[in-house]
Amino acid sequence: MREELLTIATSSGPMQTFASAPAGRGNERAVILYMDVFGLREELYGLAREFSELGYVAVVPDLFHRLPVSTFPLPGSESDPLPADAVEANRATTLAKTLADTSALIDCLEHGTQGFRAREFAVIGYCMGGRHALAAAAAFPLTVRAGLSVHGGKLVKDGEASPHLLIEKLQVPFHFAFAKEDHTCPEAHKAVLREAARNASARVTFSDHDAYHGWTFPGRWSHDADTCDMILQQAATLFASAFGTRAELA
């Protein structure tokens, strides 16, 4: 496997991006992984490697590259509050900013300017990243073929800028994987998302999992390996279908 920490030029300055790809193969398809609120770290790089093992270029952009601090300590237990600067980083990282970053990243990969090349994309976002994956799937239907939100949070809010309103704009398949007892996506929000999907022209699907918010990450108190495997299978199947290829899990 080939991997590198790239520096992508964006309209708001350089953005570090972890990239991995199968060694010795030409790759035309990529998965963009949108991080959670704790920032770039080895846990996210491990997720990228799983997608590279399926044959994809996998990239993890630093969505906090505009901020003075871009990584934050993980909570040790369910009761630990988020650091105040992590809360502010989450708030400050708008969908518009991430879409600008995504455009720059897609352009870099399409032109292969840093040695990694792709022409078609899928997106997956974890926690905070769920709504950014949704925004990318809605904004770039000609290049982004499918997407997932994995225990995504803050998908519904008051006003015209609520991420859930993007569901009606989707033209590609998108899946929401929900955690149980998730205060960042309570049952009322799940109902709003499902209702929005009724008006979507694209195939929008949902799954409820018997695991807590943050189950993806081994360093989190809520880690659930079985649910992680299930999500990887879902993602592999969705992406392979969208790309017109066969999913091959090791």
C-alpha atoms as a PDB file:
ATOM      1  CA  MET A   1       0.000   0.000   0.000  1.00  0.00           C
ATOM      2  CA  ARG A   2       1.166   3.494  -0.812  1.00  0.00           C
ATOM      3  CA  GLU A   3       0.408   6.347   1.593  1.00  0.00           C
ATOM      4  CA  GLU A   4       1.433   9.944   2.092  1.00  0.00           C
ATOM      5  CA  LEU A   5       0.445  13.097   3.966  1.00  0.00           C
ATOM      6  CA  LEU A   6      -0.319  15.573   1.178  1.00  0.00           C
ATOM      7  CA  THR A   7      -0.628  19.340   1.277  1.00  0.00           C
ATOM      8  CA  ILE A   8      -3.556  20.499  -0.862  1.00  0.00           C
ATOM      9  CA  ALA A   9      -3.809  24.136  -1.945  1.00  0.00           C
ATOM     10  CA  THR A  10      -7.240  25.582  -1.124  1.00  0.00           C
ATOM     11  CA  SER A  11      -8.742  29.062  -1.323  1.00  0.00           C
ATOM     12  CA  SER A  12      -8.166  29.336   2.441  1.00  0.00           C
ATOM     13  CA  GLY A  13      -4.594  28.088   2.554  1.00  0.00           C
ATOM     14  CA  PRO A  14      -2.850  24.694   2.626  1.00  0.00           C
ATOM     15  CA  MET A  15      -4.837  21.679   3.818  1.00  0.00           C
ATOM     16  CA  GLN A  16      -3.111  18.555   5.060  1.00  0.00           C
ATOM     17  CA  THR A  17      -4.710  15.422   3.643  1.00  0.00           C
ATOM     18  CA  PHE A  18      -3.837  11.815   4.380  1.00  0.00           C
ATOM     19  CA  ALA A  19      -3.891   9.685   1.234  1.00  0.00           C
ATOM     20  CA  SER A  20      -3.548   5.946   0.716  1.00  0.00           C
ATOM     21  CA  ALA A  21      -3.864   3.720  -2.337  1.00  0.00           C
ATOM     22  CA  PRO A  22      -3.139   0.130  -3.354  1.00  0.00           C
ATOM     23  CA  ALA A  23       0.454  -0.206  -4.490  1.00  0.00           C
ATOM     24  CA  GLY A  24       1.262  -0.849  -8.113  1.00  0.00           C
ATOM     25  CA  ARG A  25      -2.218  -0.195  -9.484  1.00  0.00           C
ATOM     26  CA  GLY A  26      -3.815   2.564 -11.479  1.00  0.00           C
ATOM     27  CA  ASN A  27      -6.751   3.977  -9.536  1.00  0.00           C
ATOM     28  CA  GLU A  28      -9.613   5.916 -11.027  1.00  0.00           C
ATOM     29  CA  ARG A  29     -11.935   5.897  -7.999  1.00  0.00           C
ATOM     30  CA  ALA A  30     -11.546   7.496  -4.599  1.00  0.00           C
ATOM     31  CA  VAL A  31     -13.289   7.621  -1.252  1.00  0.00           C
ATOM     32  CA  ILE A  32     -13.195  10.919   0.651  1.00  0.00           C
ATOM     33  CA  LEU A  33     -13.477  10.386   4.415  1.00  0.00           C
ATOM     34  CA  TYR A  34     -14.794  13.337   6.430  1.00  0.00           C
ATOM     35  CA  MET A  35     -13.381  13.400   9.932  1.00  0.00           C
ATOM     36  CA  ASP A  36     -15.072  13.664  13.303  1.00  0.00           C
ATOM     37  CA  VAL A  37     -14.565  16.595  15.666  1.00  0.00           C
ATOM     38  CA  PHE A  38     -11.289  15.307  17.142  1.00  0.00           C
ATOM     39  CA  GLY A  39      -9.301  15.887  13.957  1.00  0.00           C
ATOM     40  CA  LEU A  40      -6.743  13.990  11.880  1.00  0.00           C
ATOM     41  CA  ARG A  41      -5.151  11.023  13.662  1.00  0.00           C
ATOM     42  CA  GLU A  42      -4.130   7.406  13.183  1.00  0.00           C
ATOM     43  CA  GLU A  43      -7.668   6.099  13.771  1.00  0.00           C
ATOM     44  CA  LEU A  44      -8.873   7.927  10.651  1.00  0.00           C
ATOM     45  CA  TYR A  45      -5.853   6.807   8.662  1.00  0.00           C
ATOM     46  CA  GLY A  46      -6.728   3.218   9.561  1.00  0.00           C
ATOM     47  CA  LEU A  47     -10.218   3.708   8.125  1.00  0.00           C
ATOM     48  CA  ALA A  48      -8.700   5.076   4.919  1.00  0.00           C
ATOM     49  CA  ARG A  49      -6.476   1.999   4.612  1.00  0.00           C
ATOM     50  CA  GLU A  50      -9.548  -0.239   4.810  1.00  0.00           C
ATOM     51  CA  PHE A  51     -10.958   1.445   1.714  1.00  0.00           C
ATOM     52  CA  SER A  52      -7.607   1.222  -0.058  1.00  0.00           C
ATOM     53  CA  GLU A  53      -7.675  -2.521   0.605  1.00  0.00           C
ATOM     54  CA  LEU A  54     -10.897  -2.525  -1.428  1.00  0.00           C
ATOM     55  CA  GLY A  55      -9.031  -0.929  -4.335  1.00  0.00           C
ATOM     56  CA  TYR A  56      -9.773   2.763  -3.801  1.00  0.00           C
ATOM     57  CA  VAL A  57      -7.649   5.833  -3.352  1.00  0.00           C
ATOM     58  CA  ALA A  58      -8.726   7.007   0.114  1.00  0.00           C
ATOM     59  CA  VAL A  59      -8.204  10.539   1.376  1.00  0.00           C
ATOM     60  CA  VAL A  60      -8.859  12.243   4.716  1.00  0.00           C
ATOM     61  CA  PRO A  61      -8.756  16.056   4.517  1.00  0.00           C
ATOM     62  CA  ASP A  62      -8.113  18.216   7.571  1.00  0.00           C
ATOM     63  CA  LEU A  63     -11.354  20.170   7.769  1.00  0.00           C
ATOM     64  CA  PHE A  64      -9.902  22.283  10.587  1.00  0.00           C
ATOM     65  CA  HIS A  65      -6.956  23.598   8.569  1.00  0.00           C
ATOM     66  CA  ARG A  66      -8.182  27.190   8.957  1.00  0.00           C
ATOM     67  CA  LEU A  67      -7.968  26.996  12.747  1.00  0.00           C
ATOM     68  CA  PRO A  68      -4.969  27.442  15.064  1.00  0.00           C
ATOM     69  CA  VAL A  69      -5.635  24.041  16.684  1.00  0.00           C
ATOM     70  CA  SER A  70      -6.889  21.131  14.580  1.00  0.00           C
ATOM     71  CA  THR A  71      -6.715  18.087  16.875  1.00  0.00           C
ATOM     72  CA  PHE A  72      -8.359  17.517  20.241  1.00  0.00           C
ATOM     73  CA  PRO A  73      -8.146  14.850  22.973  1.00  0.00           C
ATOM     74  CA  LEU A  74     -10.592  11.960  22.862  1.00  0.00           C
ATOM     75  CA  PRO A  75     -13.131  11.605  25.698  1.00  0.00           C
ATOM     76  CA  GLY A  76     -12.309   8.899  28.198  1.00  0.00           C
ATOM     77  CA  SER A  77     -15.911   8.118  29.064  1.00  0.00           C
ATOM     78  CA  GLU A  78     -19.490   8.855  28.064  1.00  0.00           C
ATOM     79  CA  SER A  79     -19.736  11.620  30.641  1.00  0.00           C
ATOM     80  CA  ASP A  80     -16.639  13.543  29.517  1.00  0.00           C
ATOM     81  CA  PRO A  81     -17.620  16.844  27.848  1.00  0.00           C
ATOM     82  CA  LEU A  82     -16.148  17.967  24.558  1.00  0.00           C
ATOM     83  CA  PRO A  83     -13.324  20.497  24.933  1.00  0.00           C
ATOM     84  CA  ALA A  84     -14.664  24.030  24.407  1.00  0.00           C
ATOM     85  CA  ASP A  85     -12.275  24.637  21.507  1.00  0.00           C
ATOM     86  CA  ALA A  86     -13.475  21.448  19.796  1.00  0.00           C
ATOM     87  CA  VAL A  87     -17.073  22.643  20.104  1.00  0.00           C
ATOM     88  CA  GLU A  88     -16.063  25.944  18.534  1.00  0.00           C
ATOM     89  CA  ALA A  89     -14.129  24.191  15.760  1.00  0.00           C
ATOM     90  CA  ASN A  90     -17.230  22.160  14.940  1.00  0.00           C
ATOM     91  CA  ARG A  91     -19.373  25.291  14.804  1.00  0.00           C
ATOM     92  CA  ALA A  92     -16.864  27.266  12.745  1.00  0.00           C
ATOM     93  CA  THR A  93     -16.404  24.560  10.110  1.00  0.00           C
ATOM     94  CA  THR A  94     -19.370  25.333   7.893  1.00  0.00           C
ATOM     95  CA  LEU A  95     -20.651  23.304   4.982  1.00  0.00           C
ATOM     96  CA  ALA A  96     -19.620  26.084   2.612  1.00  0.00           C
ATOM     97  CA  LYS A  97     -16.016  25.923   3.820  1.00  0.00           C
ATOM     98  CA  THR A  98     -15.881  22.161   3.509  1.00  0.00           C
ATOM     99  CA  LEU A  99     -17.387  22.252   0.021  1.00  0.00           C
ATOM    100  CA  ALA A 100     -14.640  24.656  -1.049  1.00  0.00           C
ATOM    101  CA  ASP A 101     -12.064  22.265   0.402  1.00  0.00           C
ATOM    102  CA  THR A 102     -13.721  19.305  -1.322  1.00  0.00           C
ATOM    103  CA  SER A 103     -13.643  21.098  -4.674  1.00  0.00           C
ATOM    104  CA  ALA A 104      -9.909  21.710  -4.288  1.00  0.00           C
ATOM    105  CA  LEU A 105      -9.308  18.095  -3.271  1.00  0.00           C
ATOM    106  CA  ILE A 106     -11.305  16.694  -6.197  1.00  0.00           C
ATOM    107  CA  ASP A 107      -9.433  18.970  -8.603  1.00  0.00           C
ATOM    108  CA  CYS A 108      -6.087  17.789  -7.218  1.00  0.00           C
ATOM    109  CA  LEU A 109      -7.017  14.122  -7.582  1.00  0.00           C
ATOM    110  CA  GLU A 110      -8.559  14.534 -11.022  1.00  0.00           C
ATOM    111  CA  HIS A 111      -5.323  16.072 -12.286  1.00  0.00           C
ATOM    112  CA  GLY A 112      -3.054  13.751 -10.292  1.00  0.00           C
ATOM    113  CA  THR A 113      -0.868  16.668  -9.282  1.00  0.00           C
ATOM    114  CA  GLN A 114       0.424  14.935  -6.138  1.00  0.00           C
ATOM    115  CA  GLY A 115       0.756  11.404  -7.404  1.00  0.00           C
ATOM    116  CA  PHE A 116      -2.726  10.171  -6.468  1.00  0.00           C
ATOM    117  CA  ARG A 117      -5.342  10.194  -9.222  1.00  0.00           C
ATOM    118  CA  ALA A 118      -9.111   9.602  -9.347  1.00  0.00           C
ATOM    119  CA  ARG A 119     -11.993  10.607 -11.595  1.00  0.00           C
ATOM    120  CA  GLU A 120     -14.957   9.264  -9.643  1.00  0.00           C
ATOM    121  CA  PHE A 121     -15.616   9.660  -5.943  1.00  0.00           C
ATOM    122  CA  ALA A 122     -17.637   8.367  -3.026  1.00  0.00           C
ATOM    123  CA  VAL A 123     -17.896  10.091   0.342  1.00  0.00           C
ATOM    124  CA  ILE A 124     -18.304   8.914   3.921  1.00  0.00           C
ATOM    125  CA  GLY A 125     -18.477  11.062   7.037  1.00  0.00           C
ATOM    126  CA  TYR A 126     -18.223  10.160  10.705  1.00  0.00           C
ATOM    127  CA  CYS A 127     -19.960  12.098  13.505  1.00  0.00           C
ATOM    128  CA  MET A 128     -19.445  15.752  12.524  1.00  0.00           C
ATOM    129  CA  GLY A 129     -18.308  14.557   9.102  1.00  0.00           C
ATOM    130  CA  GLY A 130     -21.698  13.031   8.327  1.00  0.00           C
ATOM    131  CA  ARG A 131     -23.263  16.333   7.358  1.00  0.00           C
ATOM    132  CA  HIS A 132     -20.206  17.301   5.309  1.00  0.00           C
ATOM    133  CA  ALA A 133     -20.456  14.051   3.360  1.00  0.00           C
ATOM    134  CA  LEU A 134     -24.135  14.814   2.740  1.00  0.00           C
ATOM    135  CA  ALA A 135     -23.274  18.293   1.478  1.00  0.00           C
ATOM    136  CA  ALA A 136     -20.592  16.948  -0.869  1.00  0.00           C
ATOM    137  CA  ALA A 137     -22.904  14.295  -2.309  1.00  0.00           C
ATOM    138  CA  ALA A 138     -25.539  16.959  -2.975  1.00  0.00           C
ATOM    139  CA  ALA A 139     -23.105  19.511  -4.407  1.00  0.00           C
ATOM    140  CA  PHE A 140     -21.008  17.332  -6.737  1.00  0.00           C
ATOM    141  CA  PRO A 141     -23.354  14.760  -8.355  1.00  0.00           C
ATOM    142  CA  LEU A 142     -21.274  14.522 -11.534  1.00  0.00           C
ATOM    143  CA  THR A 143     -18.202  13.305  -9.650  1.00  0.00           C
ATOM    144  CA  VAL A 144     -19.489  12.018  -6.283  1.00  0.00           C
ATOM    145  CA  ARG A 145     -21.422   8.801  -6.979  1.00  0.00           C
ATOM    146  CA  ALA A 146     -22.607   7.816  -3.476  1.00  0.00           C
ATOM    147  CA  GLY A 147     -22.262   8.663   0.193  1.00  0.00           C
ATOM    148  CA  LEU A 148     -22.751   7.601   3.804  1.00  0.00           C
ATOM    149  CA  SER A 149     -23.256   9.399   7.094  1.00  0.00           C
ATOM    150  CA  VAL A 150     -22.034   7.237   9.984  1.00  0.00           C
ATOM    151  CA  HIS A 151     -23.433   8.211  13.398  1.00  0.00           C
ATOM    152  CA  GLY A 152     -23.701  11.724  11.949  1.00  0.00           C
ATOM    153  CA  GLY A 153     -24.607  14.586  14.256  1.00  0.00           C
ATOM    154  CA  LYS A 154     -26.279  17.979  13.952  1.00  0.00           C
ATOM    155  CA  LEU A 155     -27.970  16.980  10.709  1.00  0.00           C
ATOM    156  CA  VAL A 156     -31.120  18.882  11.630  1.00  0.00           C
ATOM    157  CA  LYS A 157     -31.342  22.445  12.903  1.00  0.00           C
ATOM    158  CA  ASP A 158     -33.672  25.416  12.648  1.00  0.00           C
ATOM    159  CA  GLY A 159     -33.606  27.574   9.547  1.00  0.00           C
ATOM    160  CA  GLU A 160     -32.875  27.303   5.860  1.00  0.00           C
ATOM    161  CA  ALA A 161     -29.270  26.202   6.422  1.00  0.00           C
ATOM    162  CA  SER A 162     -30.208  22.899   8.036  1.00  0.00           C
ATOM    163  CA  PRO A 163     -28.200  20.045   6.479  1.00  0.00           C
ATOM    164  CA  HIS A 164     -31.274  17.826   6.217  1.00  0.00           C
ATOM    165  CA  LEU A 165     -32.690  20.119   3.524  1.00  0.00           C
ATOM    166  CA  LEU A 166     -29.916  18.928   1.220  1.00  0.00           C
ATOM    167  CA  ILE A 167     -31.549  15.514   1.022  1.00  0.00           C
ATOM    168  CA  GLU A 168     -34.050  16.797  -1.555  1.00  0.00           C
ATOM    169  CA  LYS A 169     -31.133  17.906  -3.735  1.00  0.00           C
ATOM    170  CA  LEU A 170     -29.449  14.499  -3.788  1.00  0.00           C
ATOM    171  CA  GLN A 171     -29.075  12.851  -7.178  1.00  0.00           C
ATOM    172  CA  VAL A 172     -26.959   9.917  -5.973  1.00  0.00           C
ATOM    173  CA  PRO A 173     -27.542   7.125  -3.423  1.00  0.00           C
ATOM    174  CA  PHE A 174     -26.960   8.107   0.176  1.00  0.00           C
ATOM    175  CA  HIS A 175     -27.187   6.094   3.396  1.00  0.00           C
ATOM    176  CA  PHE A 176     -27.597   7.222   7.012  1.00  0.00           C
ATOM    177  CA  ALA A 177     -26.371   4.832   9.727  1.00  0.00           C
ATOM    178  CA  PHE A 178     -27.837   5.864  13.088  1.00  0.00           C
ATOM    179  CA  ALA A 179     -26.525   5.267  16.595  1.00  0.00           C
ATOM    180  CA  LYS A 180     -28.796   4.509  19.534  1.00  0.00           C
ATOM    181  CA  GLU A 181     -29.527   7.079  22.240  1.00  0.00           C
ATOM    182  CA  ASP A 182     -27.591   9.691  20.275  1.00  0.00           C
ATOM    183  CA  HIS A 183     -28.093  13.207  21.608  1.00  0.00           C
ATOM    184  CA  THR A 184     -26.468  14.619  18.438  1.00  0.00           C
ATOM    185  CA  CYS A 185     -29.140  12.889  16.331  1.00  0.00           C
ATOM    186  CA  PRO A 186     -32.175  12.165  18.548  1.00  0.00           C
ATOM    187  CA  GLU A 187     -35.256  10.276  17.427  1.00  0.00           C
ATOM    188  CA  ALA A 188     -36.996  13.505  16.416  1.00  0.00           C
ATOM    189  CA  HIS A 189     -34.133  14.331  14.042  1.00  0.00           C
ATOM    190  CA  LYS A 190     -34.164  10.823  12.587  1.00  0.00           C
ATOM    191  CA  ALA A 191     -37.862  11.280  11.824  1.00  0.00           C
ATOM    192  CA  VAL A 192     -37.157  14.590  10.060  1.00  0.00           C
ATOM    193  CA  LEU A 193     -34.445  12.954   7.958  1.00  0.00           C
ATOM    194  CA  ARG A 194     -36.700  10.079   6.976  1.00  0.00           C
ATOM    195  CA  GLU A 195     -39.489  12.463   6.041  1.00  0.00           C
ATOM    196  CA  ALA A 196     -37.104  14.527   3.910  1.00  0.00           C
ATOM    197  CA  ALA A 197     -36.066  11.357   2.103  1.00  0.00           C
ATOM    198  CA  ARG A 198     -39.659  10.791   0.992  1.00  0.00           C
ATOM    199  CA  ASN A 199     -39.290  13.811  -1.292  1.00  0.00           C
ATOM    200  CA  ALA A 200     -35.857  12.900  -2.630  1.00  0.00           C
ATOM    201  CA  SER A 201     -35.423  11.713  -6.201  1.00  0.00           C
ATOM    202  CA  ALA A 202     -32.286   9.776  -5.232  1.00  0.00           C
ATOM    203  CA  ARG A 203     -32.224   6.498  -3.287  1.00  0.00           C
ATOM    204  CA  VAL A 204     -31.846   7.504   0.372  1.00  0.00           C
ATOM    205  CA  THR A 205     -31.688   4.691   2.917  1.00  0.00           C
ATOM    206  CA  PHE A 206     -31.377   4.340   6.685  1.00  0.00           C
ATOM    207  CA  SER A 207     -30.213   1.808   9.234  1.00  0.00           C
ATOM    208  CA  ASP A 208     -30.448   1.805  13.032  1.00  0.00           C
ATOM    209  CA  HIS A 209     -27.625   0.174  14.943  1.00  0.00           C
ATOM    210  CA  ASP A 210     -27.388  -1.177  18.465  1.00  0.00           C
ATOM    211  CA  ALA A 211     -24.254   0.847  19.148  1.00  0.00           C
ATOM    212  CA  TYR A 212     -23.494   4.255  20.586  1.00  0.00           C
ATOM    213  CA  HIS A 213     -22.337   7.430  18.868  1.00  0.00           C
ATOM    214  CA  GLY A 214     -18.652   7.148  17.960  1.00  0.00           C
ATOM    215  CA  TRP A 215     -18.691   3.345  17.570  1.00  0.00           C
ATOM    216  CA  THR A 216     -16.281   3.613  14.624  1.00  0.00           C
ATOM    217  CA  PHE A 217     -13.195   4.570  16.601  1.00  0.00           C
ATOM    218  CA  PRO A 218     -11.112   2.081  18.633  1.00  0.00           C
ATOM    219  CA  GLY A 219      -9.948   4.857  20.960  1.00  0.00           C
ATOM    220  CA  ARG A 220     -13.490   5.794  21.969  1.00  0.00           C
ATOM    221  CA  TRP A 221     -15.408   4.346  24.911  1.00  0.00           C
ATOM    222  CA  SER A 222     -18.274   3.513  22.502  1.00  0.00           C
ATOM    223  CA  HIS A 223     -16.245   1.451  20.013  1.00  0.00           C
ATOM    224  CA  ASP A 224     -18.158  -1.519  18.576  1.00  0.00           C
ATOM    225  CA  ALA A 225     -16.144  -3.747  16.257  1.00  0.00           C
ATOM    226  CA  ASP A 226     -19.124  -5.723  14.941  1.00  0.00           C
ATOM    227  CA  THR A 227     -20.962  -2.569  13.907  1.00  0.00           C
ATOM    228  CA  CYS A 228     -17.782  -1.258  12.264  1.00  0.00           C
ATOM    229  CA  ASP A 229     -17.586  -4.396  10.149  1.00  0.00           C
ATOM    230  CA  MET A 230     -21.252  -4.037   9.213  1.00  0.00           C
ATOM    231  CA  ILE A 231     -20.766  -0.440   8.087  1.00  0.00           C
ATOM    232  CA  LEU A 232     -17.716  -1.331   6.022  1.00  0.00           C
ATOM    233  CA  GLN A 233     -19.779  -3.993   4.282  1.00  0.00           C
ATOM    234  CA  GLN A 234     -22.587  -1.486   3.656  1.00  0.00           C
ATOM    235  CA  ALA A 235     -20.162   1.078   2.297  1.00  0.00           C
ATOM    236  CA  ALA A 236     -18.385  -1.471   0.097  1.00  0.00           C
ATOM    237  CA  THR A 237     -21.668  -2.640  -1.393  1.00  0.00           C
ATOM    238  CA  LEU A 238     -23.046   0.868  -1.911  1.00  0.00           C
ATOM    239  CA  PHE A 239     -19.883   2.197  -3.495  1.00  0.00           C
ATOM    240  CA  ALA A 240     -19.379  -0.839  -5.722  1.00  0.00           C
ATOM    241  CA  SER A 241     -22.964  -0.551  -6.952  1.00  0.00           C
ATOM    242  CA  ALA A 242     -22.620   3.171  -7.593  1.00  0.00           C
ATOM    243  CA  PHE A 243     -19.353   2.676  -9.462  1.00  0.00           C
ATOM    244  CA  GLY A 244     -20.657  -0.371 -11.324  1.00  0.00           C
ATOM    245  CA  THR A 245     -18.060  -2.691  -9.776  1.00  0.00           C
ATOM    246  CA  ARG A 246     -18.115  -5.718  -7.476  1.00  0.00           C
ATOM    247  CA  ALA A 247     -17.352  -5.286  -3.769  1.00  0.00           C
ATOM    248  CA  GLU A 248     -14.440  -7.475  -2.666  1.00  0.00           C
ATOM    249  CA  LEU A 249     -13.842  -7.528   1.055  1.00  0.00           C
ATOM    250  CA  ALA A 250     -10.781  -9.370   2.308  1.00  0.00           C
END
